[in-house]
C-alpha atoms as a PDB file:
ATOM      1  CA  UNK A   1     160.341  75.459 189.287  1.00  0.00           C
ATOM      2  CA  UNK A   2     159.111  76.532 185.971  1.00  0.00           C
ATOM      3  CA  UNK A   3     156.656  79.218 185.460  1.00  0.00           C
ATOM      4  CA  UNK A   4     153.593  78.636 183.388  1.00  0.00           C
ATOM      5  CA  UNK A   5     154.812  81.060 180.717  1.00  0.00           C
ATOM      6  CA  UNK A   6     157.747  78.735 180.415  1.00  0.00           C
ATOM      7  CA  UNK A   7     155.763  75.715 180.126  1.00  0.00           C
ATOM      8  CA  UNK A   8     153.741  77.371 177.395  1.00  0.00           C
ATOM      9  CA  UNK A   9     156.696  78.655 175.489  1.00  0.00           C
ATOM     10  CA  UNK A  10     158.493  75.399 175.794  1.00  0.00           C
ATOM     11  CA  UNK A  11     155.308  73.953 174.365  1.00  0.00           C
ATOM     12  CA  UNK A  12     155.308  75.997 171.581  1.00  0.00           C
ATOM     13  CA  UNK A  13     158.645  75.499 170.442  1.00  0.00           C
ATOM     14  CA  UNK A  14     158.300  71.918 170.633  1.00  0.00           C
ATOM     15  CA  UNK A  15     155.437  72.149 167.989  1.00  0.00           C
ATOM     16  CA  UNK A  16     157.584  74.441 166.145  1.00  0.00           C
ATOM     17  CA  UNK A  17     160.260  72.202 166.091  1.00  0.00           C
ATOM     18  CA  UNK A  18     158.110  69.078 164.677  1.00  0.00           C
ATOM     19  CA  UNK A  19     156.734  71.226 162.394  1.00  0.00           C
ATOM     20  CA  UNK A  20     160.019  72.358 160.758  1.00  0.00           C
ATOM     21  CA  UNK A  21     161.282  68.630 160.663  1.00  0.00           C
ATOM     22  CA  UNK A  22     157.858  67.304 159.231  1.00  0.00           C
ATOM     23  CA  UNK A  23     157.613  70.210 156.451  1.00  0.00           C
ATOM     24  CA  UNK A  24     161.338  70.338 155.604  1.00  0.00           C
ATOM     25  CA  UNK A  25     162.346  69.957 151.999  1.00  0.00           C
ATOM     26  CA  UNK A  26     164.479  66.985 151.128  1.00  0.00           C
ATOM     27  CA  UNK A  27     167.200  67.360 148.670  1.00  0.00           C
ATOM     28  CA  UNK A  28     168.006  63.613 147.587  1.00  0.00           C
ATOM     29  CA  UNK A  29     170.614  64.850 144.948  1.00  0.00           C
ATOM     30  CA  UNK A  30     172.744  66.483 147.690  1.00  0.00           C
ATOM     31  CA  UNK A  31     171.403  64.680 150.430  1.00  0.00           C
ATOM     32  CA  UNK A  32     170.309  67.645 152.413  1.00  0.00           C
ATOM     33  CA  UNK A  33     167.354  68.761 154.369  1.00  0.00           C
ATOM     34  CA  UNK A  34     166.113  72.380 153.974  1.00  0.00           C
ATOM     35  CA  UNK A  35     163.615  74.453 155.917  1.00  0.00           C
ATOM     36  CA  UNK A  36     160.615  75.293 153.579  1.00  0.00           C
ATOM     37  CA  UNK A  37     159.362  78.390 155.824  1.00  0.00           C
ATOM     38  CA  UNK A  38     160.776  80.928 158.436  1.00  0.00           C
ATOM     39  CA  UNK A  39     160.733  79.790 162.176  1.00  0.00           C
ATOM     40  CA  UNK A  40     161.974  82.779 164.146  1.00  0.00           C
ATOM     41  CA  UNK A  41     161.304  81.451 167.341  1.00  0.00           C
ATOM     42  CA  UNK A  42     163.892  78.574 166.150  1.00  0.00           C
ATOM     43  CA  UNK A  43     166.304  81.031 164.680  1.00  0.00           C
ATOM     44  CA  UNK A  44     166.033  79.082 161.495  1.00  0.00           C
ATOM     45  CA  UNK A  45     165.447  80.880 157.867  1.00  0.00           C
ATOM     46  CA  UNK A  46     163.890  79.910 154.934  1.00  0.00           C
ATOM     47  CA  UNK A  47     166.347  77.822 152.811  1.00  0.00           C
ATOM     48  CA  UNK A  48     168.116  77.071 155.711  1.00  0.00           C
ATOM     49  CA  UNK A  49     170.297  73.470 155.750  1.00  0.00           C
ATOM     50  CA  UNK A  50     168.756  71.712 158.735  1.00  0.00           C
ATOM     51  CA  UNK A  51     170.211  68.311 157.867  1.00  0.00           C
ATOM     52  CA  UNK A  52     173.334  67.288 155.680  1.00  0.00           C
ATOM     53  CA  UNK A  53     175.751  64.108 155.438  1.00  0.00           C
ATOM     54  CA  UNK A  54     178.770  65.880 155.441  1.00  0.00           C
ATOM     55  CA  UNK A  55     180.487  68.955 157.353  1.00  0.00           C
ATOM     56  CA  UNK A  56     177.560  70.001 158.877  1.00  0.00           C
ATOM     57  CA  UNK A  57     176.635  71.149 162.641  1.00  0.00           C
ATOM     58  CA  UNK A  58     173.336  69.976 163.427  1.00  0.00           C
ATOM     59  CA  UNK A  59     170.476  72.001 164.639  1.00  0.00           C
ATOM     60  CA  UNK A  60     169.890  71.273 168.584  1.00  0.00           C
ATOM     61  CA  UNK A  61     166.611  71.681 170.455  1.00  0.00           C
ATOM     62  CA  UNK A  62     168.722  72.431 173.689  1.00  0.00           C
ATOM     63  CA  UNK A  63     170.469  75.284 172.328  1.00  0.00           C
ATOM     64  CA  UNK A  64     167.514  77.049 171.004  1.00  0.00           C
ATOM     65  CA  UNK A  65     165.977  76.574 174.581  1.00  0.00           C
ATOM     66  CA  UNK A  66     169.117  77.965 175.993  1.00  0.00           C
ATOM     67  CA  UNK A  67     168.662  80.990 173.668  1.00  0.00           C
ATOM     68  CA  UNK A  68     165.309  81.666 175.200  1.00  0.00           C
ATOM     69  CA  UNK A  69     166.557  81.354 178.640  1.00  0.00           C
ATOM     70  CA  UNK A  70     164.756  78.531 179.596  1.00  0.00           C
ATOM     71  CA  UNK A  71     165.936  77.606 183.040  1.00  0.00           C
ATOM     72  CA  UNK A  72     165.455  73.600 183.548  1.00  0.00           C
ATOM     73  CA  UNK A  73     166.535  72.576 180.135  1.00  0.00           C
ATOM     74  CA  UNK A  74     167.754  69.000 181.524  1.00  0.00           C
ATOM     75  CA  UNK A  75     164.482  68.410 183.120  1.00  0.00           C
ATOM     76  CA  UNK A  76     162.644  69.126 179.191  1.00  0.00           C
ATOM     77  CA  UNK A  77     165.058  67.041 177.042  1.00  0.00           C
ATOM     78  CA  UNK A  78     166.854  63.749 177.975  1.00  0.00           C
ATOM     79  CA  UNK A  79     170.647  63.868 177.885  1.00  0.00           C
ATOM     80  CA  UNK A  80     172.166  62.917 174.146  1.00  0.00           C
ATOM     81  CA  UNK A  81     172.855  59.229 173.858  1.00  0.00           C
ATOM     82  CA  UNK A  82     176.582  60.109 172.694  1.00  0.00           C
ATOM     83  CA  UNK A  83     177.238  61.805 175.946  1.00  0.00           C
ATOM     84  CA  UNK A  84     175.782  59.299 178.146  1.00  0.00           C
ATOM     85  CA  UNK A  85     172.200  58.719 179.987  1.00  0.00           C
ATOM     86  CA  UNK A  86     171.044  55.674 182.111  1.00  0.00           C
ATOM     87  CA  UNK A  87     171.517  53.048 179.756  1.00  0.00           C
ATOM     88  CA  UNK A  88     174.873  53.764 178.936  1.00  0.00           C
ATOM     89  CA  UNK A  89     175.505  53.975 182.864  1.00  0.00           C
ATOM     90  CA  UNK A  90     174.319  50.680 183.137  1.00  0.00           C
ATOM     91  CA  UNK A  91     175.847  49.224 180.255  1.00  0.00           C
ATOM     92  CA  UNK A  92     179.245  50.716 181.081  1.00  0.00           C
ATOM     93  CA  UNK A  93     178.990  50.616 184.821  1.00  0.00           C
ATOM     94  CA  UNK A  94     176.806  47.692 186.003  1.00  0.00           C
ATOM     95  CA  UNK A  95     176.894  44.914 183.336  1.00  0.00           C
ATOM     96  CA  UNK A  96     180.762  45.380 182.805  1.00  0.00           C
ATOM     97  CA  UNK A  97     181.558  44.327 186.015  1.00  0.00           C
ATOM     98  CA  UNK A  98     183.038  40.998 186.818  1.00  0.00           C
ATOM     99  CA  UNK A  99     180.527  38.239 187.782  1.00  0.00           C
ATOM    100  CA  UNK A 100     179.918  38.122 191.590  1.00  0.00           C
ATOM    101  CA  UNK A 101     180.734  35.089 193.777  1.00  0.00           C
ATOM    102  CA  UNK A 102     177.144  34.025 193.911  1.00  0.00           C
ATOM    103  CA  UNK A 103     177.260  33.762 189.936  1.00  0.00           C
ATOM    104  CA  UNK A 104     180.136  31.804 190.093  1.00  0.00           C
ATOM    105  CA  UNK A 105     178.559  29.270 192.484  1.00  0.00           C
ATOM    106  CA  UNK A 106     175.891  28.788 190.631  1.00  0.00           C
ATOM    107  CA  UNK A 107     177.719  28.010 187.477  1.00  0.00           C
ATOM    108  CA  UNK A 108     179.805  25.602 189.274  1.00  0.00           C
ATOM    109  CA  UNK A 109     176.413  24.023 190.350  1.00  0.00           C
ATOM    110  CA  UNK A 110     175.078  23.749 186.761  1.00  0.00           C
ATOM    111  CA  UNK A 111     178.267  22.192 185.834  1.00  0.00           C
ATOM    112  CA  UNK A 112     178.216  19.288 188.396  1.00  0.00           C
ATOM    113  CA  UNK A 113     174.868  18.195 187.563  1.00  0.00           C
ATOM    114  CA  UNK A 114     175.221  18.184 183.960  1.00  0.00           C
ATOM    115  CA  UNK A 115     175.593  14.405 182.908  1.00  0.00           C
ATOM    116  CA  UNK A 116     176.958  13.345 179.452  1.00  0.00           C
ATOM    117  CA  UNK A 117     174.526  11.679 177.338  1.00  0.00           C
ATOM    118  CA  UNK A 118     175.160   8.387 175.671  1.00  0.00           C
ATOM    119  CA  UNK A 119     176.578   8.865 171.935  1.00  0.00           C
ATOM    120  CA  UNK A 120     174.676   7.301 169.329  1.00  0.00           C
ATOM    121  CA  UNK A 121     176.573   4.566 167.215  1.00  0.00           C
ATOM    122  CA  UNK A 122     179.032   4.263 170.158  1.00  0.00           C
ATOM    123  CA  UNK A 123     180.526   7.629 169.421  1.00  0.00           C
ATOM    124  CA  UNK A 124     180.976   7.147 165.538  1.00  0.00           C
ATOM    125  CA  UNK A 125     177.994   9.397 164.421  1.00  0.00           C
ATOM    126  CA  UNK A 126     175.713   8.677 161.910  1.00  0.00           C
ATOM    127  CA  UNK A 127     178.554   7.253 159.234  1.00  0.00           C
ATOM    128  CA  UNK A 128     178.254   3.544 158.302  1.00  0.00           C
ATOM    129  CA  UNK A 129     181.182   1.958 157.084  1.00  0.00           C
END
């Protein structure tokens, strides 16, 4: 269980993290985001590139928490969507399974009930010859 001191540090780090991303300098020519201040608690110095489009390792809040030796990082931060979470599990394991027998029976029942409607113009459509 987390101690109150670690909860306070996590909250402080979250505030700093939001402030870093809110107050960054966007360089539209180089397509980069640059830190405008020193954030010692986040291990980011002024002028550090925090976002770029090519050849770049993005900052991770999870790594920052691990550097501060916070115990239960997984409880604080949800898993990365690329790594997988509940939605990916549902998408890959549950939705992709073959339909059950009950679903097949329901489809057969619906197909049997359908009756073809009478065709307009005797099946010729709307064309007039």
